[in-house]
PDB file of N, CA and C in Angstrom:
ATOM      1  N   MET A   1     -10.232  -0.296   9.646  1.00  0.00           N
ATOM      2  CA  MET A   1      -9.547   0.541   8.685  1.00  0.00           C
ATOM      3  C   MET A   1      -9.658   2.005   9.116  1.00  0.00           C
ATOM      4  N   THR A   2      -8.590   2.739   8.833  1.00  0.00           N
ATOM      5  CA  THR A   2      -8.613   4.170   9.111  1.00  0.00           C
ATOM      6  C   THR A   2      -9.508   4.874   8.095  1.00  0.00           C
ATOM      7  N   LYS A   3      -9.806   6.119   8.343  1.00  0.00           N
ATOM      8  CA  LYS A   3     -10.652   6.868   7.405  1.00  0.00           C
ATOM      9  C   LYS A   3      -9.971   6.987   6.052  1.00  0.00           C
ATOM     10  N   GLU A   4      -8.641   7.134   6.021  1.00  0.00           N
ATOM     11  CA  GLU A   4      -7.916   7.220   4.755  1.00  0.00           C
ATOM     12  C   GLU A   4      -7.932   5.877   4.018  1.00  0.00           C
ATOM     13  N   GLU A   5      -7.786   4.788   4.755  1.00  0.00           N
ATOM     14  CA  GLU A   5      -7.868   3.458   4.143  1.00  0.00           C
ATOM     15  C   GLU A   5      -9.252   3.240   3.542  1.00  0.00           C
ATOM     16  N   LYS A   6     -10.291   3.627   4.261  1.00  0.00           N
ATOM     17  CA  LYS A   6     -11.653   3.495   3.746  1.00  0.00           C
ATOM     18  C   LYS A   6     -11.829   4.331   2.484  1.00  0.00           C
ATOM     19  N   ARG A   7     -11.306   5.534   2.495  1.00  0.00           N
ATOM     20  CA  ARG A   7     -11.447   6.394   1.320  1.00  0.00           C
ATOM     21  C   ARG A   7     -10.759   5.780   0.106  1.00  0.00           C
ATOM     22  N   LEU A   8      -9.523   5.331   0.267  1.00  0.00           N
ATOM     23  CA  LEU A   8      -8.799   4.734  -0.849  1.00  0.00           C
ATOM     24  C   LEU A   8      -9.502   3.462  -1.321  1.00  0.00           C
ATOM     25  N   TRP A   9     -10.002   2.667  -0.391  1.00  0.00           N
ATOM     26  CA  TRP A   9     -10.679   1.418  -0.745  1.00  0.00           C
ATOM     27  C   TRP A   9     -11.981   1.686  -1.502  1.00  0.00           C
ATOM     28  N   TYR A  10     -12.851   2.493  -0.916  1.00  0.00           N
ATOM     29  CA  TYR A  10     -14.181   2.691  -1.501  1.00  0.00           C
ATOM     30  C   TYR A  10     -14.156   3.595  -2.740  1.00  0.00           C
ATOM     31  N   ASP A  11     -13.215   4.525  -2.801  1.00  0.00           N
ATOM     32  CA  ASP A  11     -13.168   5.444  -3.936  1.00  0.00           C
ATOM     33  C   ASP A  11     -12.279   4.957  -5.076  1.00  0.00           C
ATOM     34  N   PHE A  12     -11.490   3.893  -4.847  1.00  0.00           N
ATOM     35  CA  PHE A  12     -10.587   3.463  -5.915  1.00  0.00           C
ATOM     36  C   PHE A  12     -10.326   1.959  -5.948  1.00  0.00           C
ATOM     37  N   LEU A  13      -9.711   1.417  -4.927  1.00  0.00           N
ATOM     38  CA  LEU A  13      -9.208   0.044  -4.996  1.00  0.00           C
ATOM     39  C   LEU A  13     -10.305  -1.013  -5.096  1.00  0.00           C
ATOM     40  N   ARG A  14     -11.427  -0.796  -4.474  1.00  0.00           N
ATOM     41  CA  ARG A  14     -12.498  -1.786  -4.471  1.00  0.00           C
ATOM     42  C   ARG A  14     -12.962  -2.119  -5.891  1.00  0.00           C
ATOM     43  N   ASN A  15     -12.991  -1.136  -6.762  1.00  0.00           N
ATOM     44  CA  ASN A  15     -13.453  -1.334  -8.137  1.00  0.00           C
ATOM     45  C   ASN A  15     -12.324  -1.323  -9.159  1.00  0.00           C
ATOM     46  N   TYR A  16     -11.098  -1.365  -8.688  1.00  0.00           N
ATOM     47  CA  TYR A  16      -9.958  -1.380  -9.598  1.00  0.00           C
ATOM     48  C   TYR A  16     -10.003  -2.693 -10.401  1.00  0.00           C
ATOM     49  N   PRO A  17      -9.675  -2.646 -11.691  1.00  0.00           N
ATOM     50  CA  PRO A  17      -9.834  -3.856 -12.520  1.00  0.00           C
ATOM     51  C   PRO A  17      -8.915  -5.020 -12.144  1.00  0.00           C
ATOM     52  N   ILE A  18      -7.852  -4.739 -11.424  1.00  0.00           N
ATOM     53  CA  ILE A  18      -6.967  -5.806 -10.936  1.00  0.00           C
ATOM     54  C   ILE A  18      -7.205  -5.907  -9.435  1.00  0.00           C
ATOM     55  N   ARG A  19      -7.474  -7.107  -8.981  1.00  0.00           N
ATOM     56  CA  ARG A  19      -7.965  -7.317  -7.616  1.00  0.00           C
ATOM     57  C   ARG A  19      -6.961  -6.936  -6.539  1.00  0.00           C
ATOM     58  N   PHE A  20      -7.457  -6.186  -5.578  1.00  0.00           N
ATOM     59  CA  PHE A  20      -6.745  -5.874  -4.344  1.00  0.00           C
ATOM     60  C   PHE A  20      -7.515  -6.491  -3.188  1.00  0.00           C
ATOM     61  N   LYS A  21      -6.791  -6.868  -2.151  1.00  0.00           N
ATOM     62  CA  LYS A  21      -7.404  -7.294  -0.890  1.00  0.00           C
ATOM     63  C   LYS A  21      -7.035  -6.266   0.160  1.00  0.00           C
ATOM     64  N   LYS A  22      -7.939  -6.073   1.106  1.00  0.00           N
ATOM     65  CA  LYS A  22      -7.649  -5.157   2.206  1.00  0.00           C
ATOM     66  C   LYS A  22      -7.344  -5.960   3.460  1.00  0.00           C
ATOM     67  N   GLN A  23      -6.484  -5.415   4.302  1.00  0.00           N
ATOM     68  CA  GLN A  23      -6.146  -6.030   5.581  1.00  0.00           C
ATOM     69  C   GLN A  23      -5.735  -7.487   5.400  1.00  0.00           C
ATOM     70  N   LYS A  24      -4.760  -7.712   4.543  1.00  0.00           N
ATOM     71  CA  LYS A  24      -4.292  -9.062   4.193  1.00  0.00           C
ATOM     72  C   LYS A  24      -3.157  -9.491   5.121  1.00  0.00           C
ATOM     73  N   VAL A  25      -3.260 -10.695   5.657  1.00  0.00           N
ATOM     74  CA  VAL A  25      -2.186 -11.259   6.478  1.00  0.00           C
ATOM     75  C   VAL A  25      -1.118 -11.822   5.544  1.00  0.00           C
ATOM     76  N   ILE A  26       0.105 -11.352   5.745  1.00  0.00           N
ATOM     77  CA  ILE A  26       1.261 -11.877   5.013  1.00  0.00           C
ATOM     78  C   ILE A  26       2.336 -12.177   6.047  1.00  0.00           C
ATOM     79  N   GLY A  27       2.587 -13.461   6.257  1.00  0.00           N
ATOM     80  CA  GLY A  27       3.548 -13.837   7.288  1.00  0.00           C
ATOM     81  C   GLY A  27       3.065 -13.364   8.644  1.00  0.00           C
ATOM     82  N   ARG A  28       3.894 -12.586   9.309  1.00  0.00           N
ATOM     83  CA  ARG A  28       3.538 -12.121  10.654  1.00  0.00           C
ATOM     84  C   ARG A  28       2.951 -10.709  10.673  1.00  0.00           C
ATOM     85  N   TYR A  29       2.610 -10.190   9.499  1.00  0.00           N
ATOM     86  CA  TYR A  29       2.079  -8.829   9.412  1.00  0.00           C
ATOM     87  C   TYR A  29       0.712  -8.808   8.740  1.00  0.00           C
ATOM     88  N   ILE A  30      -0.024  -7.752   9.024  1.00  0.00           N
ATOM     89  CA  ILE A  30      -1.253  -7.451   8.300  1.00  0.00           C
ATOM     90  C   ILE A  30      -0.977  -6.185   7.505  1.00  0.00           C
ATOM     91  N   VAL A  31      -1.091  -6.290   6.188  1.00  0.00           N
ATOM     92  CA  VAL A  31      -0.828  -5.126   5.343  1.00  0.00           C
ATOM     93  C   VAL A  31      -2.148  -4.432   5.021  1.00  0.00           C
ATOM     94  N   ASP A  32      -2.063  -3.153   4.722  1.00  0.00           N
ATOM     95  CA  ASP A  32      -3.275  -2.386   4.441  1.00  0.00           C
ATOM     96  C   ASP A  32      -3.959  -2.902   3.176  1.00  0.00           C
ATOM     97  N   PHE A  33      -3.190  -2.987   2.063  1.00  0.00           N
ATOM     98  CA  PHE A  33      -3.745  -3.444   0.791  1.00  0.00           C
ATOM     99  C   PHE A  33      -2.722  -4.314   0.075  1.00  0.00           C
ATOM    100  N   TYR A  34      -3.220  -5.329  -0.626  1.00  0.00           N
ATOM    101  CA  TYR A  34      -2.341  -6.299  -1.286  1.00  0.00           C
ATOM    102  C   TYR A  34      -2.909  -6.672  -2.646  1.00  0.00           C
ATOM    103  N   CYS A  35      -2.041  -6.638  -3.646  1.00  0.00           N
ATOM    104  CA  CYS A  35      -2.402  -7.074  -4.992  1.00  0.00           C
ATOM    105  C   CYS A  35      -1.469  -8.227  -5.360  1.00  0.00           C
ATOM    106  N   ALA A  36      -2.015  -9.445  -5.372  1.00  0.00           N
ATOM    107  CA  ALA A  36      -1.201 -10.637  -5.653  1.00  0.00           C
ATOM    108  C   ALA A  36      -0.642 -10.604  -7.068  1.00  0.00           C
ATOM    109  N   ARG A  37      -1.463 -10.220  -8.026  1.00  0.00           N
ATOM    110  CA  ARG A  37      -1.029 -10.240  -9.426  1.00  0.00           C
ATOM    111  C   ARG A  37       0.182  -9.345  -9.664  1.00  0.00           C
ATOM    112  N   ALA A  38       0.234  -8.208  -8.989  1.00  0.00           N
ATOM    113  CA  ALA A  38       1.351  -7.281  -9.156  1.00  0.00           C
ATOM    114  C   ALA A  38       2.434  -7.479  -8.104  1.00  0.00           C
ATOM    115  N   GLY A  39       2.190  -8.329  -7.111  1.00  0.00           N
ATOM    116  CA  GLY A  39       3.156  -8.498  -6.026  1.00  0.00           C
ATOM    117  C   GLY A  39       3.384  -7.194  -5.290  1.00  0.00           C
ATOM    118  N   LEU A  40       2.284  -6.496  -5.004  1.00  0.00           N
ATOM    119  CA  LEU A  40       2.355  -5.135  -4.470  1.00  0.00           C
ATOM    120  C   LEU A  40       1.614  -5.014  -3.150  1.00  0.00           C
ATOM    121  N   VAL A  41       2.256  -4.335  -2.215  1.00  0.00           N
ATOM    122  CA  VAL A  41       1.662  -3.991  -0.931  1.00  0.00           C
ATOM    123  C   VAL A  41       1.587  -2.476  -0.863  1.00  0.00           C
ATOM    124  N   ILE A  42       0.438  -1.970  -0.444  1.00  0.00           N
ATOM    125  CA  ILE A  42       0.272  -0.538  -0.221  1.00  0.00           C
ATOM    126  C   ILE A  42       0.036  -0.323   1.260  1.00  0.00           C
ATOM    127  N   GLU A  43       0.860   0.526   1.841  1.00  0.00           N
ATOM    128  CA  GLU A  43       0.718   0.891   3.243  1.00  0.00           C
ATOM    129  C   GLU A  43       0.416   2.372   3.324  1.00  0.00           C
ATOM    130  N   LEU A  44      -0.627   2.733   4.053  1.00  0.00           N
ATOM    131  CA  LEU A  44      -0.934   4.134   4.298  1.00  0.00           C
ATOM    132  C   LEU A  44      -0.373   4.517   5.658  1.00  0.00           C
ATOM    133  N   ASP A  45       0.342   5.617   5.671  1.00  0.00           N
ATOM    134  CA  ASP A  45       1.060   6.021   6.880  1.00  0.00           C
ATOM    135  C   ASP A  45       0.551   7.346   7.422  1.00  0.00           C
ATOM    136  N   GLY A  46       0.205   7.339   8.700  1.00  0.00           N
ATOM    137  CA  GLY A  46      -0.144   8.565   9.404  1.00  0.00           C
ATOM    138  C   GLY A  46       1.109   9.256   9.908  1.00  0.00           C
ATOM    139  N   SER A  47       0.923  10.361  10.580  1.00  0.00           N
ATOM    140  CA  SER A  47       2.064  11.162  11.054  1.00  0.00           C
ATOM    141  C   SER A  47       2.934  10.409  12.052  1.00  0.00           C
ATOM    142  N   GLN A  48       2.390   9.402  12.740  1.00  0.00           N
ATOM    143  CA  GLN A  48       3.178   8.635  13.705  1.00  0.00           C
ATOM    144  C   GLN A  48       4.314   7.871  13.029  1.00  0.00           C
ATOM    145  N   HIS A  49       4.228   7.683  11.716  1.00  0.00           N
ATOM    146  CA  HIS A  49       5.262   6.946  10.992  1.00  0.00           C
ATOM    147  C   HIS A  49       6.509   7.789  10.728  1.00  0.00           C
ATOM    148  N   THR A  50       6.523   9.043  11.157  1.00  0.00           N
ATOM    149  CA  THR A  50       7.689   9.902  10.952  1.00  0.00           C
ATOM    150  C   THR A  50       8.668   9.848  12.124  1.00  0.00           C
ATOM    151  N   TYR A  51       8.280   9.217  13.211  1.00  0.00           N
ATOM    152  CA  TYR A  51       9.162   9.113  14.375  1.00  0.00           C
ATOM    153  C   TYR A  51      10.230   8.048  14.132  1.00  0.00           C
ATOM    154  N   PRO A  52      11.436   8.257  14.684  1.00  0.00           N
ATOM    155  CA  PRO A  52      12.544   7.326  14.417  1.00  0.00           C
ATOM    156  C   PRO A  52      12.212   5.861  14.697  1.00  0.00           C
ATOM    157  N   GLU A  53      11.552   5.571  15.805  1.00  0.00           N
ATOM    158  CA  GLU A  53      11.248   4.176  16.123  1.00  0.00           C
ATOM    159  C   GLU A  53      10.249   3.588  15.131  1.00  0.00           C
ATOM    160  N   ALA A  54       9.310   4.401  14.657  1.00  0.00           N
ATOM    161  CA  ALA A  54       8.347   3.931  13.658  1.00  0.00           C
ATOM    162  C   ALA A  54       9.024   3.715  12.310  1.00  0.00           C
ATOM    163  N   LEU A  55       9.939   4.602  11.957  1.00  0.00           N
ATOM    164  CA  LEU A  55      10.680   4.443  10.708  1.00  0.00           C
ATOM    165  C   LEU A  55      11.498   3.157  10.720  1.00  0.00           C
ATOM    166  N   GLU A  56      12.099   2.852  11.865  1.00  0.00           N
ATOM    167  CA  GLU A  56      12.876   1.616  12.005  1.00  0.00           C
ATOM    168  C   GLU A  56      11.965   0.390  11.891  1.00  0.00           C
ATOM    169  N   TYR A  57      10.827   0.436  12.552  1.00  0.00           N
ATOM    170  CA  TYR A  57       9.862  -0.668  12.476  1.00  0.00           C
ATOM    171  C   TYR A  57       9.384  -0.856  11.032  1.00  0.00           C
ATOM    172  N   ASP A  58       9.041   0.232  10.374  1.00  0.00           N
ATOM    173  CA  ASP A  58       8.564   0.165   8.988  1.00  0.00           C
ATOM    174  C   ASP A  58       9.635  -0.407   8.057  1.00  0.00           C
ATOM    175  N   ALA A  59      10.889  -0.029   8.290  1.00  0.00           N
ATOM    176  CA  ALA A  59      11.984  -0.543   7.454  1.00  0.00           C
ATOM    177  C   ALA A  59      12.121  -2.058   7.630  1.00  0.00           C
ATOM    178  N   LYS A  60      12.019  -2.539   8.858  1.00  0.00           N
ATOM    179  CA  LYS A  60      12.098  -3.988   9.111  1.00  0.00           C
ATOM    180  C   LYS A  60      10.910  -4.710   8.484  1.00  0.00           C
ATOM    181  N   ARG A  61       9.769  -4.123   8.598  1.00  0.00           N
ATOM    182  CA  ARG A  61       8.554  -4.704   8.021  1.00  0.00           C
ATOM    183  C   ARG A  61       8.663  -4.787   6.496  1.00  0.00           C
ATOM    184  N   THR A  62       9.139  -3.713   5.877  1.00  0.00           N
ATOM    185  CA  THR A  62       9.329  -3.695   4.424  1.00  0.00           C
ATOM    186  C   THR A  62      10.343  -4.746   4.009  1.00  0.00           C
ATOM    187  N   GLU A  63      11.443  -4.838   4.726  1.00  0.00           N
ATOM    188  CA  GLU A  63      12.466  -5.841   4.414  1.00  0.00           C
ATOM    189  C   GLU A  63      11.879  -7.257   4.496  1.00  0.00           C
ATOM    190  N   TYR A  64      11.089  -7.511   5.506  1.00  0.00           N
ATOM    191  CA  TYR A  64      10.438  -8.816   5.674  1.00  0.00           C
ATOM    192  C   TYR A  64       9.533  -9.119   4.486  1.00  0.00           C
ATOM    193  N   LEU A  65       8.708  -8.161   4.088  1.00  0.00           N
ATOM    194  CA  LEU A  65       7.776  -8.363   2.980  1.00  0.00           C
ATOM    195  C   LEU A  65       8.509  -8.518   1.648  1.00  0.00           C
ATOM    196  N   GLU A  66       9.602  -7.815   1.492  1.00  0.00           N
ATOM    197  CA  GLU A  66      10.392  -7.934   0.259  1.00  0.00           C
ATOM    198  C   GLU A  66      10.996  -9.330   0.121  1.00  0.00           C
ATOM    199  N   LYS A  67      11.210 -10.019   1.228  1.00  0.00           N
ATOM    200  CA  LYS A  67      11.710 -11.396   1.168  1.00  0.00           C
ATOM    201  C   LYS A  67      10.692 -12.332   0.517  1.00  0.00           C
ATOM    202  N   TYR A  68       9.433 -11.927   0.494  1.00  0.00           N
ATOM    203  CA  TYR A  68       8.373 -12.668  -0.200  1.00  0.00           C
ATOM    204  C   TYR A  68       8.293 -12.253  -1.668  1.00  0.00           C
ATOM    205  N   GLY A  69       9.214 -11.392  -2.102  1.00  0.00           N
ATOM    206  CA  GLY A  69       9.211 -10.916  -3.477  1.00  0.00           C
ATOM    207  C   GLY A  69       8.211  -9.799  -3.725  1.00  0.00           C
ATOM    208  N   LEU A  70       7.763  -9.162  -2.672  1.00  0.00           N
ATOM    209  CA  LEU A  70       6.767  -8.101  -2.795  1.00  0.00           C
ATOM    210  C   LEU A  70       7.429  -6.732  -2.857  1.00  0.00           C
ATOM    211  N   THR A  71       6.756  -5.823  -3.516  1.00  0.00           N
ATOM    212  CA  THR A  71       7.136  -4.422  -3.519  1.00  0.00           C
ATOM    213  C   THR A  71       6.201  -3.698  -2.568  1.00  0.00           C
ATOM    214  N   VAL A  72       6.760  -2.873  -1.702  1.00  0.00           N
ATOM    215  CA  VAL A  72       5.963  -2.129  -0.727  1.00  0.00           C
ATOM    216  C   VAL A  72       6.035  -0.651  -1.085  1.00  0.00           C
ATOM    217  N   ILE A  73       4.863  -0.035  -1.247  1.00  0.00           N
ATOM    218  CA  ILE A  73       4.833   1.419  -1.411  1.00  0.00           C
ATOM    219  C   ILE A  73       4.105   2.011  -0.216  1.00  0.00           C
ATOM    220  N   ARG A  74       4.614   3.138   0.230  1.00  0.00           N
ATOM    221  CA  ARG A  74       4.048   3.825   1.380  1.00  0.00           C
ATOM    222  C   ARG A  74       3.489   5.160   0.919  1.00  0.00           C
ATOM    223  N   ILE A  75       2.286   5.426   1.339  1.00  0.00           N
ATOM    224  CA  ILE A  75       1.603   6.653   0.956  1.00  0.00           C
ATOM    225  C   ILE A  75       1.132   7.332   2.234  1.00  0.00           C
ATOM    226  N   ALA A  76       1.425   8.607   2.347  1.00  0.00           N
ATOM    227  CA  ALA A  76       1.019   9.369   3.530  1.00  0.00           C
ATOM    228  C   ALA A  76      -0.489   9.585   3.522  1.00  0.00           C
ATOM    229  N   ASN A  77      -1.087   9.482   4.705  1.00  0.00           N
ATOM    230  CA  ASN A  77      -2.517   9.756   4.835  1.00  0.00           C
ATOM    231  C   ASN A  77      -2.863  11.133   4.281  1.00  0.00           C
ATOM    232  N   GLU A  78      -1.995  12.085   4.520  1.00  0.00           N
ATOM    233  CA  GLU A  78      -2.229  13.443   4.037  1.00  0.00           C
ATOM    234  C   GLU A  78      -2.383  13.484   2.516  1.00  0.00           C
ATOM    235  N   ASP A  79      -1.609  12.653   1.822  1.00  0.00           N
ATOM    236  CA  ASP A  79      -1.728  12.615   0.369  1.00  0.00           C
ATOM    237  C   ASP A  79      -3.066  12.028  -0.067  1.00  0.00           C
ATOM    238  N   VAL A  80      -3.550  11.026   0.663  1.00  0.00           N
ATOM    239  CA  VAL A  80      -4.867  10.466   0.352  1.00  0.00           C
ATOM    240  C   VAL A  80      -5.935  11.535   0.561  1.00  0.00           C
ATOM    241  N   ASN A  81      -5.790  12.315   1.600  1.00  0.00           N
ATOM    242  CA  ASN A  81      -6.780  13.348   1.908  1.00  0.00           C
ATOM    243  C   ASN A  81      -6.745  14.521   0.940  1.00  0.00           C
ATOM    244  N   LYS A  82      -5.553  14.911   0.505  1.00  0.00           N
ATOM    245  CA  LYS A  82      -5.418  16.135  -0.290  1.00  0.00           C
ATOM    246  C   LYS A  82      -5.167  15.913  -1.774  1.00  0.00           C
ATOM    247  N   HIS A  83      -4.672  14.727  -2.135  1.00  0.00           N
ATOM    248  CA  HIS A  83      -4.262  14.481  -3.521  1.00  0.00           C
ATOM    249  C   HIS A  83      -4.704  13.088  -3.982  1.00  0.00           C
ATOM    250  N   LEU A  84      -5.951  12.743  -3.741  1.00  0.00           N
ATOM    251  CA  LEU A  84      -6.419  11.383  -4.032  1.00  0.00           C
ATOM    252  C   LEU A  84      -6.240  11.019  -5.508  1.00  0.00           C
ATOM    253  N   THR A  85      -6.540  11.922  -6.403  1.00  0.00           N
ATOM    254  CA  THR A  85      -6.400  11.621  -7.835  1.00  0.00           C
ATOM    255  C   THR A  85      -4.970  11.238  -8.172  1.00  0.00           C
ATOM    256  N   GLU A  86      -4.005  11.998  -7.675  1.00  0.00           N
ATOM    257  CA  GLU A  86      -2.602  11.710  -7.933  1.00  0.00           C
ATOM    258  C   GLU A  86      -2.170  10.395  -7.294  1.00  0.00           C
ATOM    259  N   VAL A  87      -2.674  10.107  -6.098  1.00  0.00           N
ATOM    260  CA  VAL A  87      -2.375   8.845  -5.426  1.00  0.00           C
ATOM    261  C   VAL A  87      -2.894   7.677  -6.263  1.00  0.00           C
ATOM    262  N   CYS A  88      -4.103   7.790  -6.765  1.00  0.00           N
ATOM    263  CA  CYS A  88      -4.688   6.721  -7.584  1.00  0.00           C
ATOM    264  C   CYS A  88      -3.900   6.531  -8.875  1.00  0.00           C
ATOM    265  N   GLU A  89      -3.476   7.615  -9.492  1.00  0.00           N
ATOM    266  CA  GLU A  89      -2.657   7.529 -10.705  1.00  0.00           C
ATOM    267  C   GLU A  89      -1.327   6.837 -10.408  1.00  0.00           C
ATOM    268  N   TYR A  90      -0.718   7.186  -9.280  1.00  0.00           N
ATOM    269  CA  TYR A  90       0.550   6.568  -8.871  1.00  0.00           C
ATOM    270  C   TYR A  90       0.376   5.063  -8.660  1.00  0.00           C
ATOM    271  N   ILE A  91      -0.683   4.681  -7.977  1.00  0.00           N
ATOM    272  CA  ILE A  91      -0.945   3.258  -7.745  1.00  0.00           C
ATOM    273  C   ILE A  91      -1.157   2.549  -9.073  1.00  0.00           C
ATOM    274  N   ASP A  92      -1.957   3.128  -9.939  1.00  0.00           N
ATOM    275  CA  ASP A  92      -2.221   2.519 -11.245  1.00  0.00           C
ATOM    276  C   ASP A  92      -0.925   2.357 -12.035  1.00  0.00           C
ATOM    277  N   GLN A  93      -0.101   3.380 -12.081  1.00  0.00           N
ATOM    278  CA  GLN A  93       1.176   3.293 -12.798  1.00  0.00           C
ATOM    279  C   GLN A  93       2.066   2.207 -12.207  1.00  0.00           C
ATOM    280  N   THR A  94       2.095   2.118 -10.899  1.00  0.00           N
ATOM    281  CA  THR A  94       2.927   1.109 -10.230  1.00  0.00           C
ATOM    282  C   THR A  94       2.423  -0.292 -10.548  1.00  0.00           C
ATOM    283  N   VAL A  95       1.125  -0.496 -10.473  1.00  0.00           N
ATOM    284  CA  VAL A  95       0.550  -1.813 -10.785  1.00  0.00           C
ATOM    285  C   VAL A  95       0.863  -2.191 -12.225  1.00  0.00           C
ATOM    286  N   MET A  96       0.638  -1.289 -13.158  1.00  0.00           N
ATOM    287  CA  MET A  96       0.883  -1.580 -14.577  1.00  0.00           C
ATOM    288  C   MET A  96       2.361  -1.900 -14.826  1.00  0.00           C
ATOM    289  N   GLN A  97       3.232  -1.143 -14.205  1.00  0.00           N
ATOM    290  CA  GLN A  97       4.679  -1.384 -14.345  1.00  0.00           C
ATOM    291  C   GLN A  97       5.045  -2.760 -13.801  1.00  0.00           C
ATOM    292  N   LYS A  98       4.505  -3.109 -12.638  1.00  0.00           N
ATOM    293  CA  LYS A  98       4.814  -4.405 -12.036  1.00  0.00           C
ATOM    294  C   LYS A  98       4.281  -5.547 -12.890  1.00  0.00           C
ATOM    295  N   ILE A  99       3.066  -5.419 -13.383  1.00  0.00           N
ATOM    296  CA  ILE A  99       2.464  -6.483 -14.199  1.00  0.00           C
ATOM    297  C   ILE A  99       3.221  -6.650 -15.510  1.00  0.00           C
ATOM    298  N   ASN A 100       3.605  -5.555 -16.121  1.00  0.00           N
ATOM    299  CA  ASN A 100       4.303  -5.611 -17.402  1.00  0.00           C
ATOM    300  C   ASN A 100       5.745  -6.105 -17.283  1.00  0.00           C
ATOM    301  N   SER A 101       6.276  -6.101 -16.059  1.00  0.00           N
ATOM    302  CA  SER A 101       7.660  -6.578 -15.868  1.00  0.00           C
ATOM    303  C   SER A 101       7.705  -8.063 -15.492  1.00  0.00           C
ATOM    304  N   ILE A 102       6.544  -8.654 -15.251  1.00  0.00           N
ATOM    305  CA  ILE A 102       6.493 -10.076 -14.845  1.00  0.00           C
ATOM    306  C   ILE A 102       6.635 -10.965 -16.068  1.00  0.00           C
TER     307      ILE A 102
END
């Protein structure tokens, strides 16, 4: 796990009341974080994800995961480093919205 993944895991997701798994294999991919109950994948993206070829790869990966009925959210590493509270609030809101819509 990257330092940002470790921070999000140890400071928030590990003790979140709805279970998340880290480094979960889904089909042919390994996702950063996965919540089965909410059908949610969280991917943390470093600056390398801004290049055209990475954006294309990420789009294909998201499309593949969406075929499993999953929602994929992408969060920049910079946001984890500088705005962790807001990132955690966003994740919580997304999880609650997904659970309440099931």
